[in-house]
Amino acid sequence: MRARFELDQMDFKILDHLQRLGRCSNVELAEMVGLSASPCLTRVKRLQQIGVIQGFGAHVALAQLGDYLIVFSEVTISGHRRHHLRRFEEAAEAVPEIMECYNVSGGYDFLLRIVTRSVSHFQGIMDALLQADLGIEKFSSYIVLRVPFVKHELPLDQLFGEGSAVRADAVDQPFE
């Protein structure tokens, strides 16, 4: 388990602005949050070092590039020991089209979000996973018909409130 760290109101303010305006300069960010540039940069670097900020990137509008398909798949694994789950997770992570993988409670073990060119492309991915002998007992899939909205910014204030302590062990980490 990693050491605890605390974020103050200013850290949350920085995170909130960076979620919405990740390409802003440090000087612009500092002005928005009410700090001078040097302390602002120090805080951003600290947030990166402790793993709260995990990177910066662009949100690509897939519909502008061409046709695509989003599929959610529920996957049940036959074995439930840690090595069974890890083996599936590693195989799923190696598939570029599998964008998200959640180990969940309930009637199945994993929920996957998969982005593909077509139904046949998706079927090829699932066939390859089944042939890899990963212990997949069954899977059910749901094709997305439309996406009314996607939110990229986390509601930090609603989740943690101003000045709340955030534990390092609360940051999502793979099995150790």
C-alpha atoms as a PDB file:
ATOM      1  CA  MET A   1       0.000   0.000   0.000  1.00  0.00           C
ATOM      2  CA  ARG A   2       1.282   3.450  -0.897  1.00  0.00           C
ATOM      3  CA  ALA A   3       1.604   6.348   1.509  1.00  0.00           C
ATOM      4  CA  ARG A   4      -1.304   8.724   2.064  1.00  0.00           C
ATOM      5  CA  PHE A   5      -1.343  12.165   0.548  1.00  0.00           C
ATOM      6  CA  GLU A   6      -3.773  15.022   0.847  1.00  0.00           C
ATOM      7  CA  LEU A   7      -5.069  17.406  -1.760  1.00  0.00           C
ATOM      8  CA  ASP A   8      -6.197  20.866  -0.776  1.00  0.00           C
ATOM      9  CA  GLN A   9      -8.776  23.147  -2.351  1.00  0.00           C
ATOM     10  CA  MET A  10      -6.172  24.639  -4.710  1.00  0.00           C
ATOM     11  CA  ASP A  11      -5.161  21.172  -5.978  1.00  0.00           C
ATOM     12  CA  PHE A  12      -8.810  20.418  -6.783  1.00  0.00           C
ATOM     13  CA  LYS A  13      -9.148  23.782  -8.507  1.00  0.00           C
ATOM     14  CA  ILE A  14      -6.094  23.011 -10.659  1.00  0.00           C
ATOM     15  CA  LEU A  15      -7.448  19.550 -11.508  1.00  0.00           C
ATOM     16  CA  ASP A  16     -10.844  20.972 -12.400  1.00  0.00           C
ATOM     17  CA  HIS A  17      -9.321  23.493 -14.820  1.00  0.00           C
ATOM     18  CA  LEU A  18      -6.899  20.985 -16.346  1.00  0.00           C
ATOM     19  CA  GLN A  19      -9.733  18.535 -17.037  1.00  0.00           C
ATOM     20  CA  ARG A  20     -11.500  21.175 -19.125  1.00  0.00           C
ATOM     21  CA  LEU A  21      -8.518  23.051 -20.550  1.00  0.00           C
ATOM     22  CA  GLY A  22      -5.631  20.594 -20.633  1.00  0.00           C
ATOM     23  CA  ARG A  23      -3.800  22.536 -23.338  1.00  0.00           C
ATOM     24  CA  CYS A  24      -3.624  25.817 -21.439  1.00  0.00           C
ATOM     25  CA  SER A  25      -0.189  27.108 -20.550  1.00  0.00           C
ATOM     26  CA  ASN A  26       1.054  27.080 -16.978  1.00  0.00           C
ATOM     27  CA  VAL A  27       0.790  30.884 -16.894  1.00  0.00           C
ATOM     28  CA  GLU A  28      -2.858  30.714 -18.040  1.00  0.00           C
ATOM     29  CA  LEU A  29      -3.622  27.975 -15.513  1.00  0.00           C
ATOM     30  CA  ALA A  30      -1.972  29.965 -12.730  1.00  0.00           C
ATOM     31  CA  GLU A  31      -4.110  33.011 -13.580  1.00  0.00           C
ATOM     32  CA  MET A  32      -7.302  30.910 -13.615  1.00  0.00           C
ATOM     33  CA  VAL A  33      -6.645  29.421 -10.174  1.00  0.00           C
ATOM     34  CA  GLY A  34      -5.153  32.536  -8.573  1.00  0.00           C
ATOM     35  CA  LEU A  35      -1.527  31.458  -8.155  1.00  0.00           C
ATOM     36  CA  SER A  36       1.739  32.686  -9.572  1.00  0.00           C
ATOM     37  CA  ALA A  37       3.284  30.499 -12.283  1.00  0.00           C
ATOM     38  CA  SER A  38       6.026  28.819 -10.227  1.00  0.00           C
ATOM     39  CA  PRO A  39       3.864  27.463  -7.368  1.00  0.00           C
ATOM     40  CA  CYS A  40       1.235  26.396  -9.914  1.00  0.00           C
ATOM     41  CA  LEU A  41       3.799  24.405 -11.903  1.00  0.00           C
ATOM     42  CA  THR A  42       5.125  22.848  -8.683  1.00  0.00           C
ATOM     43  CA  ARG A  43       1.615  21.683  -7.792  1.00  0.00           C
ATOM     44  CA  VAL A  44       0.962  20.271 -11.284  1.00  0.00           C
ATOM     45  CA  LYS A  45       4.258  18.362 -11.194  1.00  0.00           C
ATOM     46  CA  ARG A  46       3.413  17.004  -7.729  1.00  0.00           C
ATOM     47  CA  LEU A  47      -0.015  15.874  -8.951  1.00  0.00           C
ATOM     48  CA  GLN A  48       1.729  14.068 -11.806  1.00  0.00           C
ATOM     49  CA  GLN A  49       4.341  12.486  -9.527  1.00  0.00           C
ATOM     50  CA  ILE A  50       1.776  11.077  -7.107  1.00  0.00           C
ATOM     51  CA  GLY A  51      -0.277   9.681  -9.996  1.00  0.00           C
ATOM     52  CA  VAL A  52      -3.357  11.897  -9.752  1.00  0.00           C
ATOM     53  CA  ILE A  53      -2.659  13.386 -13.191  1.00  0.00           C
ATOM     54  CA  GLN A  54      -1.959  10.424 -15.432  1.00  0.00           C
ATOM     55  CA  GLY A  55      -1.504  12.222 -18.738  1.00  0.00           C
ATOM     56  CA  PHE A  56      -2.853  14.729 -21.218  1.00  0.00           C
ATOM     57  CA  GLY A  57      -4.526  13.973 -24.519  1.00  0.00           C
ATOM     58  CA  ALA A  58      -7.031  14.954 -27.177  1.00  0.00           C
ATOM     59  CA  HIS A  59     -10.621  13.725 -27.349  1.00  0.00           C
ATOM     60  CA  VAL A  60     -11.053  12.378 -30.881  1.00  0.00           C
ATOM     61  CA  ALA A  61     -14.487  12.659 -32.551  1.00  0.00           C
ATOM     62  CA  LEU A  62     -14.710   9.202 -34.140  1.00  0.00           C
ATOM     63  CA  ALA A  63     -17.821  10.105 -36.129  1.00  0.00           C
ATOM     64  CA  GLN A  64     -15.741  12.698 -37.992  1.00  0.00           C
ATOM     65  CA  LEU A  65     -13.322   9.973 -39.116  1.00  0.00           C
ATOM     66  CA  GLY A  66     -15.790   7.402 -40.422  1.00  0.00           C
ATOM     67  CA  ASP A  67     -18.030   4.542 -39.398  1.00  0.00           C
ATOM     68  CA  TYR A  68     -17.321   2.680 -36.183  1.00  0.00           C
ATOM     69  CA  LEU A  69     -19.074   0.481 -33.662  1.00  0.00           C
ATOM     70  CA  ILE A  70     -19.054   0.589 -29.856  1.00  0.00           C
ATOM     71  CA  VAL A  71     -19.837  -2.672 -28.094  1.00  0.00           C
ATOM     72  CA  PHE A  72     -20.143  -3.398 -24.393  1.00  0.00           C
ATOM     73  CA  SER A  73     -19.408  -7.016 -23.530  1.00  0.00           C
ATOM     74  CA  GLU A  74     -20.055  -8.841 -20.284  1.00  0.00           C
ATOM     75  CA  VAL A  75     -17.498 -11.608 -19.801  1.00  0.00           C
ATOM     76  CA  THR A  76     -17.678 -14.471 -17.307  1.00  0.00           C
ATOM     77  CA  ILE A  77     -14.452 -16.305 -16.450  1.00  0.00           C
ATOM     78  CA  SER A  78     -14.580 -19.950 -15.351  1.00  0.00           C
ATOM     79  CA  GLY A  79     -11.873 -19.593 -12.661  1.00  0.00           C
ATOM     80  CA  HIS A  80     -11.977 -16.892 -10.013  1.00  0.00           C
ATOM     81  CA  ARG A  81      -8.505 -17.076  -8.566  1.00  0.00           C
ATOM     82  CA  ARG A  82      -6.371 -14.010  -8.957  1.00  0.00           C
ATOM     83  CA  HIS A  83      -4.202 -15.588 -11.673  1.00  0.00           C
ATOM     84  CA  HIS A  84      -7.299 -16.454 -13.759  1.00  0.00           C
ATOM     85  CA  LEU A  85      -8.498 -12.855 -13.620  1.00  0.00           C
ATOM     86  CA  ARG A  86      -5.053 -11.428 -14.252  1.00  0.00           C
ATOM     87  CA  ARG A  87      -4.522 -13.661 -17.298  1.00  0.00           C
ATOM     88  CA  PHE A  88      -7.750 -12.380 -18.845  1.00  0.00           C
ATOM     89  CA  GLU A  89      -6.946  -8.750 -17.955  1.00  0.00           C
ATOM     90  CA  GLU A  90      -3.513  -8.955 -19.572  1.00  0.00           C
ATOM     91  CA  ALA A  91      -4.938 -10.505 -22.738  1.00  0.00           C
ATOM     92  CA  ALA A  92      -7.719  -7.905 -22.926  1.00  0.00           C
ATOM     93  CA  GLU A  93      -5.276  -5.047 -22.398  1.00  0.00           C
ATOM     94  CA  ALA A  94      -3.198  -6.270 -25.343  1.00  0.00           C
ATOM     95  CA  VAL A  95      -6.176  -5.839 -27.709  1.00  0.00           C
ATOM     96  CA  PRO A  96      -6.074  -2.240 -29.017  1.00  0.00           C
ATOM     97  CA  GLU A  97      -9.827  -2.113 -29.637  1.00  0.00           C
ATOM     98  CA  ILE A  98     -10.660  -2.907 -25.994  1.00  0.00           C
ATOM     99  CA  MET A  99     -10.742   0.587 -24.562  1.00  0.00           C
ATOM    100  CA  GLU A 100     -11.903  -0.155 -21.026  1.00  0.00           C
ATOM    101  CA  CYS A 101     -12.047  -3.235 -18.829  1.00  0.00           C
ATOM    102  CA  TYR A 102     -13.867  -3.301 -15.498  1.00  0.00           C
ATOM    103  CA  ASN A 103     -13.784  -6.198 -13.018  1.00  0.00           C
ATOM    104  CA  VAL A 104     -17.312  -6.049 -11.587  1.00  0.00           C
ATOM    105  CA  SER A 105     -19.527  -7.765  -9.048  1.00  0.00           C
ATOM    106  CA  GLY A 106     -22.760  -9.455 -10.028  1.00  0.00           C
ATOM    107  CA  GLY A 107     -23.672 -11.929 -12.736  1.00  0.00           C
ATOM    108  CA  TYR A 108     -20.441 -11.623 -14.728  1.00  0.00           C
ATOM    109  CA  ASP A 109     -16.796 -10.832 -14.045  1.00  0.00           C
ATOM    110  CA  PHE A 110     -15.749  -8.175 -16.559  1.00  0.00           C
ATOM    111  CA  LEU A 111     -17.415  -5.386 -18.492  1.00  0.00           C
ATOM    112  CA  LEU A 112     -15.530  -4.345 -21.621  1.00  0.00           C
ATOM    113  CA  ARG A 113     -15.973  -1.298 -23.851  1.00  0.00           C
ATOM    114  CA  ILE A 114     -14.797  -2.203 -27.326  1.00  0.00           C
ATOM    115  CA  VAL A 115     -14.514   0.121 -30.340  1.00  0.00           C
ATOM    116  CA  THR A 116     -14.389  -1.602 -33.744  1.00  0.00           C
ATOM    117  CA  ARG A 117     -14.965  -0.972 -37.454  1.00  0.00           C
ATOM    118  CA  SER A 118     -17.909  -3.360 -37.766  1.00  0.00           C
ATOM    119  CA  VAL A 119     -19.778  -6.304 -36.279  1.00  0.00           C
ATOM    120  CA  SER A 120     -17.500  -8.738 -38.126  1.00  0.00           C
ATOM    121  CA  HIS A 121     -14.419  -6.938 -36.761  1.00  0.00           C
ATOM    122  CA  PHE A 122     -15.882  -7.232 -33.252  1.00  0.00           C
ATOM    123  CA  GLN A 123     -16.659 -10.918 -33.794  1.00  0.00           C
ATOM    124  CA  GLY A 124     -13.053 -11.505 -34.885  1.00  0.00           C
ATOM    125  CA  ILE A 125     -11.801  -9.955 -31.650  1.00  0.00           C
ATOM    126  CA  MET A 126     -14.086 -12.104 -29.518  1.00  0.00           C
ATOM    127  CA  ASP A 127     -13.199 -15.235 -31.511  1.00  0.00           C
ATOM    128  CA  ALA A 128      -9.496 -14.548 -30.906  1.00  0.00           C
ATOM    129  CA  LEU A 129     -10.096 -14.121 -27.164  1.00  0.00           C
ATOM    130  CA  LEU A 130     -12.090 -17.352 -27.032  1.00  0.00           C
ATOM    131  CA  GLN A 131      -9.393 -19.256 -28.950  1.00  0.00           C
ATOM    132  CA  ALA A 132      -6.697 -17.950 -26.596  1.00  0.00           C
ATOM    133  CA  ASP A 133      -8.006 -20.283 -23.869  1.00  0.00           C
ATOM    134  CA  LEU A 134      -8.363 -17.546 -21.251  1.00  0.00           C
ATOM    135  CA  GLY A 135     -11.082 -19.345 -19.331  1.00  0.00           C
ATOM    136  CA  ILE A 136     -13.940 -17.378 -20.869  1.00  0.00           C
ATOM    137  CA  GLU A 137     -17.047 -19.278 -19.845  1.00  0.00           C
ATOM    138  CA  LYS A 138     -19.498 -16.993 -21.627  1.00  0.00           C
ATOM    139  CA  PHE A 139     -19.948 -13.487 -22.927  1.00  0.00           C
ATOM    140  CA  SER A 140     -22.897 -11.271 -23.813  1.00  0.00           C
ATOM    141  CA  SER A 141     -22.552  -8.207 -25.975  1.00  0.00           C
ATOM    142  CA  TYR A 142     -24.539  -5.029 -26.480  1.00  0.00           C
ATOM    143  CA  ILE A 143     -24.091  -2.885 -29.582  1.00  0.00           C
ATOM    144  CA  VAL A 144     -24.423   0.842 -28.933  1.00  0.00           C
ATOM    145  CA  LEU A 145     -27.017   2.408 -31.231  1.00  0.00           C
ATOM    146  CA  ARG A 146     -26.212   6.016 -30.374  1.00  0.00           C
ATOM    147  CA  VAL A 147     -24.277   7.994 -27.781  1.00  0.00           C
ATOM    148  CA  PRO A 148     -26.424  10.811 -26.352  1.00  0.00           C
ATOM    149  CA  PHE A 149     -23.483  12.185 -24.348  1.00  0.00           C
ATOM    150  CA  VAL A 150     -20.057  11.364 -22.961  1.00  0.00           C
ATOM    151  CA  LYS A 151     -18.552  13.237 -20.037  1.00  0.00           C
ATOM    152  CA  HIS A 152     -14.796  13.481 -19.747  1.00  0.00           C
ATOM    153  CA  GLU A 153     -14.544  15.781 -16.740  1.00  0.00           C
ATOM    154  CA  LEU A 154     -14.965  14.107 -13.372  1.00  0.00           C
ATOM    155  CA  PRO A 155     -17.228  15.928 -10.858  1.00  0.00           C
ATOM    156  CA  LEU A 156     -14.395  16.311  -8.344  1.00  0.00           C
ATOM    157  CA  ASP A 157     -16.216  18.668  -6.007  1.00  0.00           C
ATOM    158  CA  GLN A 158     -19.230  16.351  -5.799  1.00  0.00           C
ATOM    159  CA  LEU A 159     -17.021  13.309  -5.274  1.00  0.00           C
ATOM    160  CA  PHE A 160     -14.539  14.687  -2.779  1.00  0.00           C
ATOM    161  CA  GLY A 161     -15.664  18.154  -1.669  1.00  0.00           C
ATOM    162  CA  GLU A 162     -13.380  21.060  -1.027  1.00  0.00           C
ATOM    163  CA  GLY A 163     -10.195  20.118   0.788  1.00  0.00           C
ATOM    164  CA  SER A 164     -11.076  16.452   1.199  1.00  0.00           C
ATOM    165  CA  ALA A 165      -8.266  13.997   1.807  1.00  0.00           C
ATOM    166  CA  VAL A 166      -7.685  11.588  -1.062  1.00  0.00           C
ATOM    167  CA  ARG A 167      -5.864   8.363  -0.271  1.00  0.00           C
ATOM    168  CA  ALA A 168      -3.140   7.185  -2.611  1.00  0.00           C
ATOM    169  CA  ASP A 169      -4.515   3.657  -2.307  1.00  0.00           C
ATOM    170  CA  ALA A 170      -7.864   4.931  -3.619  1.00  0.00           C
ATOM    171  CA  VAL A 171      -6.305   5.630  -7.025  1.00  0.00           C
ATOM    172  CA  ASP A 172      -7.165   2.705  -9.306  1.00  0.00           C
ATOM    173  CA  GLN A 173      -4.194   0.350  -9.422  1.00  0.00           C
ATOM    174  CA  PRO A 174      -3.809  -3.057 -11.046  1.00  0.00           C
ATOM    175  CA  PHE A 175      -3.271  -6.139  -8.880  1.00  0.00           C
ATOM    176  CA  GLU A 176       0.083  -6.043  -7.160  1.00  0.00           C
END
